[in-house]
Amino acid sequence: MHFFKGILLFIFLVSFTLSVGQSISKYQIGAEIEAGGILSSDEQTPFWLRTNQFGAIPKQAPSALMQGKLWREYARYDTITKKRKDFDWGFVVNPVASFEKVNKLGIIFPEAHVKIRYKFIEFFGGRRKELAGLGDSTLTSGFYSVSGNALPVPKIQLATVGYVPFAFKKFVAVNAAFSHGWFNNPPNIYGARLHQKHLYFRLGRPASKSKFYFGINHQATWAGHSDYLKAQPDMAEDGKLPDSWKLYKYLVLGYTPKDWYKKSGFSSFDSYRIGNHLGSYDAAFETKINGDRLLLYHQHAFEDVSSIAFRNFPDGLYGINMVLNDTKIFGHFQLTRLTMEFLTTKDQSGSEFYITGSVYQGADNYFNHSQYISGWSYKDVVIGTPFIIPRADLDLSKSTNPRFFPNNRVNMFYAGAQGTYKDVLLLTFRGSFSRNYGTPGGDFFPPRNQFSSLLAAHLKLKGLSNTSILAKLSVDRGELFRNSYGGYLGIRKTW
């Protein structure tokens, strides 16, 4: 029955997309449809086949995927007046149907939102594919705070449209956003909410050879109730966490007055800070060298006062990216993009947790949280860097730590590359090697090594307009996952 439902959904996607394709030029609408399948030597899909795919790729293999996408982007200029439009709107709808073992059908929407823009200000509501941080969004191993690994959380957001110049003849520009979302992440907790914001500055005019970027992003989980909290009165009163909008200013500022909880009837755990907070300080430098673009960036991880004060240095993501203008390697093959990254989360402000006055410091235990037992995750998938991995995704025969993230002390090296052949073939390589140490107080003895890689090809078919074949091969070898290799083969049509 699930199989036939999936076939009907796919037929609907095809027919709907085809009908819309006839009107793209009139309504400025784009459409796309893709079908493919995953095979693996193990029941689990290899790491790089499913990572940073916004929750769209099933964890279990074999599986089949069918997806469609319909969108309208902002127009750069009015087609009649040829002037920049002050007001515009857009939307994205992206249903994905997956068939896993025993005909299990799943349908999700990695993107489904509507957006409106007035000049340089935008408001949107729904699910949207987003990252948080400064870096190379194309080939990154995954930004620290929000990597694009999990299904996007539904939210509403007010933001600038990219960087908006505002001072010194466009030398200083700002990129900012403020949003509210809804986790509702059962069975662990119900009614939890998401708070997100970022503020970034760019020094350098749009056409400048060199630019410097810096800023911060802040993520917080708050509110909610759960049965498991009822058994822990030191964590929550009657299983309920602070959810009053009167307290919202304290969540936004990451600060609470001394002894506020005694007057409000909440547990002493909340005396330090409402909710689970994390984020990163970011900095990047961009310049051009002989027509090529060089980008250097760093995302400094923080999760409490000690890491905000850099007591966890050098934890964070470090990266270098080159976008190459005309680099031929041999024949018609051109190397277009190179990225190398290093992630370290080993320090965590020290290995021991202690209290100085009312300030909790040390053993930051990234992404884990005592009230929100599934930590910084959504639908059991990590929201931040995919190298802090949920227990369910590890080789459980080697894991005894009961925390949701039993491994958050990591050193990871990553390399990514892209190239083209005769403008018809796009090749992408990703490779990562990590050394994994467990958690503060839950160390791995000895540390565990893990290598994972991916080679992907996107081939345009000459005889079929805007139609491509997609092929991917991935390998896992090491002590963190079960050893496996697998692949994806699919076909995509775009209008």
Protein backbone atom coordinates (compact mmCIF):
# COMPACT_ATOMS: atom_id res chain seq x y z
CA MET A 1 0.00 0.00 0.00
CA HIS A 2 2.82 2.42 0.86
CA PHE A 3 4.47 1.64 -2.47
CA PHE A 4 1.36 2.55 -4.47
CA LYS A 5 0.91 5.76 -2.46
CA GLY A 6 4.45 6.68 -3.36
CA ILE A 7 3.88 5.99 -7.06
CA LEU A 8 0.77 8.19 -7.00
CA LEU A 9 2.73 10.97 -5.29
CA PHE A 10 5.47 10.72 -7.91
CA ILE A 11 2.95 10.85 -10.76
CA PHE A 12 1.42 13.94 -9.15
CA LEU A 13 4.84 15.61 -8.86
CA VAL A 14 5.66 14.86 -12.49
CA SER A 15 2.34 16.08 -13.88
CA PHE A 16 2.28 19.18 -11.66
CA THR A 17 5.85 20.09 -12.54
CA LEU A 18 5.26 19.55 -16.26
CA SER A 19 2.17 21.75 -16.20
CA VAL A 20 4.02 24.49 -14.35
CA GLY A 21 6.95 24.20 -16.72
CA GLN A 22 4.79 25.61 -19.50
CA SER A 23 4.38 28.91 -17.61
CA ILE A 24 7.86 29.57 -16.28
CA SER A 25 8.64 32.53 -18.51
CA LYS A 26 5.34 34.20 -17.69
CA TYR A 27 5.37 33.77 -13.91
CA GLN A 28 9.16 33.58 -13.30
CA ILE A 29 8.69 30.14 -11.77
CA GLY A 30 11.29 27.38 -11.73
CA ALA A 31 10.62 23.67 -11.43
CA GLU A 32 12.64 20.51 -10.94
CA ILE A 33 12.02 16.82 -10.45
CA GLU A 34 14.41 14.01 -9.48
CA ALA A 35 14.22 10.26 -8.91
CA GLY A 36 16.96 7.94 -7.70
CA GLY A 37 18.01 5.10 -5.43
CA ILE A 38 20.63 4.30 -2.76
CA LEU A 39 22.42 0.99 -2.26
CA SER A 40 24.87 0.20 0.53
CA SER A 41 26.89 -2.76 1.77
CA ASP A 42 25.48 -2.01 5.23
CA GLU A 43 21.97 -1.20 6.44
CA GLN A 44 23.11 2.34 7.20
CA THR A 45 23.59 4.87 4.39
CA PRO A 46 27.28 5.94 4.26
CA PHE A 47 28.13 9.19 6.03
CA TRP A 48 28.78 11.52 3.08
CA LEU A 49 25.77 10.29 1.11
CA ARG A 50 23.38 11.53 3.81
CA THR A 51 25.33 14.38 5.45
CA ASN A 52 24.40 18.06 4.98
CA GLN A 53 21.35 17.15 2.88
CA PHE A 54 18.79 18.96 5.09
CA GLY A 55 17.40 15.67 6.38
CA ALA A 56 16.22 14.54 2.94
CA ILE A 57 18.34 11.37 2.62
CA PRO A 58 17.17 8.25 4.53
CA LYS A 59 19.59 6.83 7.09
CA GLN A 60 18.67 3.30 6.10
CA ALA A 61 19.62 1.55 2.84
CA PRO A 62 18.54 0.34 0.36
CA SER A 63 16.12 3.18 -0.36
CA ALA A 64 14.51 5.05 -3.24
CA LEU A 65 13.91 8.79 -3.50
CA MET A 66 11.44 10.85 -5.49
CA GLN A 67 11.35 14.60 -5.12
CA GLY A 68 10.02 17.70 -6.81
CA LYS A 69 10.74 21.38 -6.38
CA LEU A 70 8.77 24.44 -7.40
CA TRP A 71 10.03 27.96 -6.73
CA ARG A 72 9.85 31.64 -7.50
CA GLU A 73 12.88 33.81 -6.73
CA TYR A 74 13.04 37.56 -6.38
CA ALA A 75 13.48 39.34 -9.70
CA ARG A 76 16.52 41.61 -9.94
CA TYR A 77 14.67 44.15 -12.06
CA ASP A 78 11.13 44.90 -13.17
CA THR A 79 10.68 43.40 -16.64
CA ILE A 80 8.71 46.47 -17.83
CA THR A 81 10.46 49.47 -16.25
CA LYS A 82 13.92 47.79 -16.12
CA LYS A 83 14.36 49.35 -12.66
CA ARG A 84 15.06 47.53 -9.40
CA LYS A 85 11.81 46.46 -7.81
CA ASP A 86 11.03 47.79 -4.33
CA PHE A 87 8.53 45.03 -3.55
CA ASP A 88 8.73 41.38 -4.55
CA TRP A 89 7.73 37.93 -3.36
CA GLY A 90 8.76 34.32 -3.73
CA PHE A 91 8.18 30.80 -2.50
CA VAL A 92 9.64 27.28 -2.49
CA VAL A 93 7.86 23.93 -2.20
CA ASN A 94 10.10 20.84 -2.09
CA PRO A 95 8.35 17.53 -1.25
CA VAL A 96 10.60 14.44 -0.90
CA ALA A 97 9.21 10.90 -0.82
CA SER A 98 11.52 8.09 0.29
CA PHE A 99 10.99 4.33 0.26
CA GLU A 100 13.03 2.39 2.78
CA LYS A 101 13.08 -1.26 3.79
CA VAL A 102 9.79 -3.20 3.98
CA ASN A 103 8.08 -0.57 1.79
CA LYS A 104 8.27 2.07 4.48
CA LEU A 105 7.17 5.38 2.94
CA GLY A 106 8.25 8.74 4.30
CA ILE A 107 7.26 12.15 3.00
CA ILE A 108 8.97 15.32 4.19
CA PHE A 109 9.32 18.94 3.05
CA PRO A 110 12.93 20.16 3.45
CA GLU A 111 11.70 23.44 2.01
CA ALA A 112 8.21 24.94 2.10
CA HIS A 113 8.06 28.68 2.65
CA VAL A 114 6.71 31.97 1.38
CA LYS A 115 8.78 35.16 1.44
CA ILE A 116 8.20 38.84 0.74
CA ARG A 117 10.73 41.63 0.25
CA TYR A 118 10.50 45.39 0.51
CA LYS A 119 13.72 47.01 -0.66
CA PHE A 120 16.43 45.38 1.50
CA ILE A 121 14.16 43.88 4.21
CA GLU A 122 12.69 40.38 3.95
CA PHE A 123 10.10 38.42 5.92
CA PHE A 124 9.55 34.70 5.44
CA GLY A 125 7.61 31.90 7.08
CA GLY A 126 8.01 28.13 6.81
CA ARG A 127 10.97 25.82 6.27
CA ARG A 128 14.00 27.14 4.38
CA LYS A 129 17.43 25.67 3.68
CA GLU A 130 19.87 27.87 5.59
CA LEU A 131 23.33 27.78 7.17
CA ALA A 132 24.64 29.90 10.06
CA GLY A 133 28.17 31.27 9.89
CA LEU A 134 30.83 32.64 7.57
CA GLY A 135 32.58 30.28 5.19
CA ASP A 136 32.39 28.38 1.92
CA SER A 137 28.80 27.18 1.79
CA THR A 138 29.36 25.09 -1.36
CA LEU A 139 32.05 22.62 -0.25
CA THR A 140 32.13 22.99 3.55
CA SER A 141 32.22 19.98 5.83
CA GLY A 142 29.43 21.71 7.76
CA PHE A 143 29.23 25.03 9.57
CA TYR A 144 29.48 24.75 13.36
CA SER A 145 26.09 26.09 14.54
CA VAL A 146 23.73 25.25 11.66
CA SER A 147 25.24 23.04 8.98
CA GLY A 148 22.32 22.11 6.76
CA ASN A 149 22.48 18.56 8.08
CA ALA A 150 19.03 18.37 9.71
CA LEU A 151 15.57 19.08 8.38
CA PRO A 152 15.04 22.85 8.72
CA VAL A 153 12.97 23.92 11.74
CA PRO A 154 9.76 25.77 10.73
CA LYS A 155 10.02 29.43 11.67
CA ILE A 156 9.26 33.03 10.88
CA GLN A 157 12.11 35.45 10.23
CA LEU A 158 12.77 39.13 9.63
CA ALA A 159 16.11 39.80 7.94
CA THR A 160 18.12 41.84 5.51
CA VAL A 161 18.46 40.54 1.96
CA GLY A 162 22.15 39.73 2.02
CA TYR A 163 24.61 42.47 2.94
CA VAL A 164 23.17 46.01 2.93
CA PRO A 165 25.66 48.92 2.65
CA PHE A 166 24.91 51.72 5.12
CA ALA A 167 28.03 53.81 5.80
CA PHE A 168 31.20 55.32 4.32
CA LYS A 169 30.06 55.16 0.70
CA LYS A 170 29.08 51.48 0.89
CA PHE A 171 32.35 50.49 2.62
CA VAL A 172 30.42 49.13 5.65
CA ALA A 173 27.53 46.72 5.12
CA VAL A 174 25.36 44.71 7.51
CA ASN A 175 23.66 41.31 7.29
CA ALA A 176 21.19 40.62 10.12
CA ALA A 177 18.30 38.31 10.98
CA PHE A 178 15.94 37.63 13.89
CA SER A 179 13.67 34.57 13.95
CA HIS A 180 11.32 32.45 16.04
CA GLY A 181 10.71 28.76 15.38
CA TRP A 182 8.85 25.71 16.65
CA PHE A 183 10.73 22.53 17.53
CA ASN A 184 8.01 20.31 19.02
CA ASN A 185 10.47 17.42 19.06
CA PRO A 186 8.55 14.40 20.43
CA PRO A 187 8.88 11.95 22.03
CA ASN A 188 11.66 13.72 23.93
CA ILE A 189 9.93 17.04 24.52
CA TYR A 190 6.78 18.82 23.40
CA GLY A 191 6.23 22.50 22.67
CA ALA A 192 9.89 23.52 22.57
CA ARG A 193 10.70 26.72 20.68
CA LEU A 194 13.66 28.01 18.70
CA HIS A 195 15.26 31.43 18.93
CA GLN A 196 17.82 32.44 16.28
CA LYS A 197 19.58 35.63 15.32
CA HIS A 198 22.75 36.77 13.62
CA LEU A 199 24.58 40.02 13.03
CA TYR A 200 27.43 40.26 10.50
CA PHE A 201 29.39 43.19 9.10
CA ARG A 202 31.34 43.50 5.87
CA LEU A 203 34.18 45.99 5.50
CA GLY A 204 34.81 46.63 1.83
CA ARG A 205 32.71 47.78 -1.08
CA PRO A 206 30.94 45.17 -3.27
CA ALA A 207 33.50 45.60 -6.06
CA SER A 208 36.55 45.80 -3.75
CA LYS A 209 39.43 43.39 -4.28
CA SER A 210 39.54 42.53 -0.58
CA LYS A 211 36.81 42.36 2.07
CA PHE A 212 36.74 41.54 5.77
CA TYR A 213 33.70 39.97 7.48
CA PHE A 214 32.94 39.47 11.17
CA GLY A 215 29.96 38.84 13.42
CA ILE A 216 28.05 36.40 15.59
CA ASN A 217 25.18 33.94 15.41
CA HIS A 218 23.13 32.88 18.43
CA GLN A 219 20.92 29.78 18.67
CA ALA A 220 18.68 28.83 21.61
CA THR A 221 16.15 26.13 22.47
CA TRP A 222 13.58 27.14 25.10
CA ALA A 223 10.14 26.32 26.59
CA GLY A 224 8.50 22.90 26.32
CA HIS A 225 7.30 20.14 28.62
CA SER A 226 8.01 16.44 28.97
CA ASP A 227 7.15 13.45 31.14
CA TYR A 228 10.81 12.56 31.70
CA LEU A 229 11.33 15.96 33.37
CA LYS A 230 8.60 15.23 35.94
CA ALA A 231 10.92 12.72 37.57
CA GLN A 232 13.65 15.38 37.90
CA PRO A 233 12.31 18.27 40.04
CA ASP A 234 15.78 19.84 40.12
CA MET A 235 15.51 20.23 36.33
CA ALA A 236 11.91 21.39 35.94
CA GLU A 237 8.76 22.06 37.94
CA ASP A 238 6.13 19.41 37.08
CA GLY A 239 7.96 18.66 33.85
CA LYS A 240 7.51 22.19 32.48
CA LEU A 241 10.23 24.58 31.38
CA PRO A 242 9.97 28.41 31.44
CA ASP A 243 7.78 29.52 28.52
CA SER A 244 6.37 32.92 29.48
CA TRP A 245 6.85 35.67 26.89
CA LYS A 246 7.62 37.97 29.82
CA LEU A 247 10.94 36.12 30.03
CA TYR A 248 11.70 36.43 26.31
CA LYS A 249 14.06 39.38 26.76
CA TYR A 250 16.24 37.24 29.03
CA LEU A 251 16.39 34.52 26.39
CA VAL A 252 17.36 37.01 23.69
CA LEU A 253 20.07 38.56 25.88
CA GLY A 254 21.25 35.23 27.30
CA TYR A 255 21.00 36.66 30.79
CA THR A 256 18.75 36.20 33.81
CA PRO A 257 18.56 38.27 37.03
CA LYS A 258 19.82 36.69 40.22
CA ASP A 259 17.26 34.43 41.97
CA TRP A 260 14.51 35.25 39.43
CA TYR A 261 13.42 31.59 39.38
CA LYS A 262 12.44 31.64 43.07
CA LYS A 263 9.80 34.29 42.33
CA SER A 264 8.62 32.53 39.15
CA GLY A 265 8.27 28.99 40.48
CA PHE A 266 10.90 27.31 38.32
CA SER A 267 13.82 25.04 39.19
CA SER A 268 17.25 26.21 40.29
CA PHE A 269 18.66 24.80 37.04
CA ASP A 270 17.10 27.78 35.26
CA SER A 271 18.82 30.28 37.58
CA TYR A 272 21.83 30.34 35.26
CA ARG A 273 20.10 30.83 31.90
CA ILE A 274 16.75 30.01 30.32
CA GLY A 275 17.06 27.35 27.66
CA ASN A 276 19.97 25.77 25.80
CA HIS A 277 22.25 28.32 24.12
CA LEU A 278 25.06 27.99 21.58
CA GLY A 279 26.51 29.70 18.53
CA SER A 280 29.74 30.98 17.05
CA TYR A 281 31.83 34.11 16.65
CA ASP A 282 32.78 34.28 12.98
CA ALA A 283 35.45 36.07 10.97
CA ALA A 284 36.47 35.84 7.32
CA PHE A 285 38.81 37.51 4.86
CA GLU A 286 38.22 37.49 1.12
CA THR A 287 40.57 38.67 -1.62
CA LYS A 288 41.40 38.11 -5.29
CA ILE A 289 44.72 36.75 -6.53
CA ASN A 290 45.28 36.79 -10.29
CA GLY A 291 41.56 36.47 -10.91
CA ASP A 292 41.06 33.66 -8.37
CA ARG A 293 39.13 34.22 -5.12
CA LEU A 294 40.70 33.31 -1.78
CA LEU A 295 38.55 33.01 1.36
CA LEU A 296 39.92 32.42 4.87
CA TYR A 297 37.45 31.89 7.72
CA HIS A 298 37.04 30.84 11.33
CA GLN A 299 33.96 29.96 13.40
CA HIS A 300 34.69 30.05 17.14
CA ALA A 301 32.31 27.75 19.03
CA PHE A 302 30.57 28.90 22.21
CA GLU A 303 28.02 27.28 24.50
CA ASP A 304 28.28 29.08 27.85
CA VAL A 305 30.03 31.97 29.58
CA SER A 306 33.49 30.37 29.53
CA SER A 307 33.44 29.73 25.78
CA ILE A 308 31.93 33.16 25.08
CA ALA A 309 35.00 34.50 26.90
CA PHE A 310 37.26 32.33 24.66
CA ARG A 311 38.30 30.04 27.51
CA ASN A 312 37.73 27.12 25.13
CA PHE A 313 40.27 28.36 22.56
CA PRO A 314 41.10 26.98 19.98
CA ASP A 315 37.74 25.19 19.55
CA GLY A 316 35.91 25.86 16.31
CA LEU A 317 36.05 25.49 12.54
CA TYR A 318 38.97 26.80 10.45
CA GLY A 319 38.77 26.95 6.67
CA ILE A 320 40.42 28.03 3.44
CA ASN A 321 38.65 28.14 0.08
CA MET A 322 39.86 28.91 -3.44
CA VAL A 323 37.51 29.62 -6.35
CA LEU A 324 39.65 29.17 -9.45
CA ASN A 325 39.04 31.12 -12.62
CA ASP A 326 40.93 29.12 -15.24
CA THR A 327 42.95 26.23 -13.86
CA LYS A 328 43.36 23.39 -16.36
CA ILE A 329 44.77 20.16 -14.95
CA PHE A 330 44.77 18.07 -18.10
CA GLY A 331 42.91 18.25 -21.35
CA HIS A 332 39.45 19.75 -20.97
CA PHE A 333 39.23 19.15 -17.21
CA GLN A 334 39.16 22.38 -15.18
CA LEU A 335 39.54 22.59 -11.41
CA THR A 336 37.06 25.20 -10.18
CA ARG A 337 36.94 25.08 -6.38
CA LEU A 338 39.09 23.82 -3.48
CA THR A 339 38.24 23.83 0.24
CA MET A 340 40.20 22.60 3.24
CA GLU A 341 38.89 22.70 6.82
CA PHE A 342 39.99 21.76 10.30
CA LEU A 343 37.49 21.31 13.15
CA THR A 344 38.52 20.96 16.77
CA THR A 345 36.15 20.66 19.75
CA LYS A 346 38.54 19.04 22.23
CA ASP A 347 39.15 21.86 24.71
CA GLN A 348 35.60 22.68 25.88
CA SER A 349 36.93 25.09 28.55
CA GLY A 350 38.59 22.23 30.38
CA SER A 351 37.56 18.70 31.24
CA GLU A 352 35.91 19.42 34.61
CA PHE A 353 32.63 21.18 35.38
CA TYR A 354 32.75 23.71 38.23
CA ILE A 355 30.85 26.70 39.62
CA THR A 356 32.31 30.13 40.39
CA GLY A 357 29.64 32.15 42.17
CA SER A 358 26.62 31.70 39.92
CA VAL A 359 28.67 31.02 36.78
CA TYR A 360 28.95 27.46 35.46
CA GLN A 361 32.22 26.79 33.62
CA GLY A 362 34.22 23.97 32.10
CA ALA A 363 33.28 20.69 30.43
CA ASP A 364 31.01 22.53 28.00
CA ASN A 365 29.81 19.20 26.56
CA TYR A 366 28.86 20.65 23.18
CA PHE A 367 25.33 20.03 21.85
CA ASN A 368 24.31 17.94 24.91
CA HIS A 369 21.91 19.36 27.50
CA SER A 370 20.42 18.04 30.73
CA GLN A 371 16.89 19.44 30.25
CA TYR A 372 16.66 18.90 26.49
CA ILE A 373 18.01 15.35 26.38
CA SER A 374 18.17 15.29 22.58
CA GLY A 375 20.35 18.40 22.72
CA TRP A 376 21.04 20.43 19.59
CA SER A 377 19.14 18.13 17.25
CA TYR A 378 15.89 18.07 15.29
CA LYS A 379 14.08 14.87 14.36
CA ASP A 380 17.04 12.99 15.92
CA VAL A 381 19.53 14.58 13.48
CA VAL A 382 22.26 17.00 14.61
CA ILE A 383 21.61 20.61 13.54
CA GLY A 384 25.21 21.79 13.84
CA THR A 385 28.44 20.29 12.55
CA PRO A 386 27.79 16.68 11.45
CA PHE A 387 31.00 15.56 13.18
CA ILE A 388 29.28 15.77 16.56
CA ILE A 389 27.27 12.63 15.95
CA PRO A 390 24.10 11.27 17.63
CA ARG A 391 24.46 7.96 19.43
CA ALA A 392 21.98 6.25 17.08
CA ASP A 393 24.26 6.88 14.09
CA LEU A 394 27.36 5.33 15.67
CA ASP A 395 28.45 1.72 15.73
CA LEU A 396 26.51 0.90 18.91
CA SER A 397 28.59 -2.23 19.51
CA LYS A 398 31.37 0.17 20.54
CA SER A 399 29.32 2.82 22.40
CA THR A 400 28.38 2.75 26.09
CA ASN A 401 27.84 6.48 26.74
CA PRO A 402 24.07 7.09 27.20
CA ARG A 403 24.16 10.78 26.20
CA PHE A 404 22.42 11.75 22.95
CA PHE A 405 25.82 12.92 21.63
CA PRO A 406 28.38 10.46 23.08
CA ASN A 407 31.17 11.94 20.95
CA ASN A 408 31.65 15.72 20.91
CA ARG A 409 35.42 15.97 21.42
CA VAL A 410 36.80 15.78 17.88
CA ASN A 411 39.75 16.72 15.72
CA MET A 412 38.72 16.57 12.05
CA PHE A 413 40.55 17.26 8.79
CA TYR A 414 38.55 17.77 5.59
CA ALA A 415 39.25 18.39 1.91
CA GLY A 416 36.76 19.13 -0.84
CA ALA A 417 37.24 19.79 -4.55
CA GLN A 418 35.12 20.50 -7.63
CA GLY A 419 35.94 20.47 -11.32
CA THR A 420 34.29 20.44 -14.72
CA TYR A 421 34.91 18.63 -17.98
CA LYS A 422 33.79 20.35 -21.22
CA ASP A 423 30.96 22.08 -19.30
CA VAL A 424 28.91 18.85 -19.33
CA LEU A 425 30.36 17.00 -16.33
CA LEU A 426 30.68 18.34 -12.77
CA LEU A 427 32.81 16.25 -10.41
CA THR A 428 32.84 16.72 -6.62
CA PHE A 429 35.10 15.09 -4.06
CA ARG A 430 34.74 15.19 -0.26
CA GLY A 431 37.02 13.44 2.18
CA SER A 432 37.26 13.62 5.98
CA PHE A 433 39.45 12.06 8.63
CA SER A 434 38.48 12.48 12.27
CA ARG A 435 40.01 11.44 15.56
CA ASN A 436 37.24 11.06 18.15
CA TYR A 437 37.71 11.31 21.91
CA GLY A 438 34.17 10.94 23.37
CA THR A 439 32.75 13.52 25.80
CA PRO A 440 34.06 15.26 28.95
CA GLY A 441 33.86 12.52 31.56
CA GLY A 442 32.96 9.92 28.91
CA ASP A 443 36.24 9.55 27.05
CA PHE A 444 36.96 6.94 24.41
CA PHE A 445 39.92 4.73 25.35
CA PRO A 446 41.68 4.69 22.99
CA PRO A 447 40.43 7.49 20.68
CA ARG A 448 38.65 6.27 17.54
CA ASN A 449 39.68 7.11 14.01
CA GLN A 450 37.22 7.51 11.12
CA PHE A 451 37.70 8.10 7.39
CA SER A 452 34.78 8.90 5.09
CA SER A 453 34.76 10.01 1.46
CA LEU A 454 32.48 10.80 -1.47
CA LEU A 455 32.94 11.11 -5.24
CA ALA A 456 29.95 12.60 -7.08
CA ALA A 457 29.29 13.20 -10.80
CA HIS A 458 26.65 15.42 -12.39
CA LEU A 459 26.42 14.68 -16.14
CA LYS A 460 24.31 16.81 -18.50
CA LEU A 461 22.60 14.73 -21.20
CA LYS A 462 23.17 16.26 -24.63
CA GLY A 463 20.00 14.95 -26.24
CA LEU A 464 17.67 16.02 -23.42
CA SER A 465 17.37 19.69 -22.49
CA ASN A 466 18.16 20.49 -18.82
CA THR A 467 18.33 16.80 -17.92
CA SER A 468 21.17 15.29 -15.90
CA ILE A 469 22.35 11.97 -14.53
CA LEU A 470 23.58 12.03 -10.91
CA ALA A 471 25.96 9.40 -9.56
CA LYS A 472 27.64 9.24 -6.15
CA LEU A 473 29.98 6.74 -4.48
CA SER A 474 30.79 6.87 -0.76
CA VAL A 475 33.02 4.92 1.65
CA ASP A 476 33.20 4.67 5.47
CA ARG A 477 36.24 3.07 7.06
CA GLY A 478 37.14 3.31 10.75
CA GLU A 479 35.99 2.77 14.31
CA LEU A 480 33.08 5.23 14.61
CA PHE A 481 30.68 3.80 12.01
CA ARG A 482 30.29 0.31 10.66
CA ASN A 483 32.55 -0.12 7.63
CA SER A 484 30.54 0.28 4.44
CA TYR A 485 30.46 1.55 0.91
CA GLY A 486 27.45 2.64 -1.10
CA GLY A 487 26.16 4.78 -3.90
CA TYR A 488 23.34 6.83 -5.36
CA LEU A 489 22.11 6.91 -8.96
CA GLY A 490 19.44 9.33 -10.10
CA ILE A 491 18.06 11.47 -12.91
CA ARG A 492 17.03 15.14 -12.69
CA LYS A 493 14.99 17.38 -15.00
CA THR A 494 14.86 21.18 -14.59
CA TRP A 495 12.65 23.82 -16.23
